[in-house]
């Protein structure tokens, strides 16, 4: 259900659209709909969105917004991200309320995963 004046969609640049699509499918099980050769969309992943072909990427160092996933098993999620080709840019660290790590996907976009669970729970 669409909600008036609430965040509804997010778009990311992707210099390698095929690699980005493959990464999110392998790491998180996402499915995509293609809209021509320069755009693919995802849905049902907490927030719908898409990737558009561009030579840019989003990072916190450049002031980009950070989208953060939730995980019940942070170490297992980090292992899947790494196996799928993600690069860990901030290893797991504690912060008030939980722990998280940051990673980049093949097109260079920075994202994070957090958990409110301690390792081994």
Foldseek 3Di string as FASTA:
>chain_A
DDDPPDQAEDEWEFQDQVQQQQLCCQLPVWDWDDDPPFKIWTDDPPHTYIYGYDLDEADVVVVGDEAEAEDQAAVVSVVSNVVSPKAWPAPWDDDVQWIKTWIAGPRGYIYMYTYSDDHPD
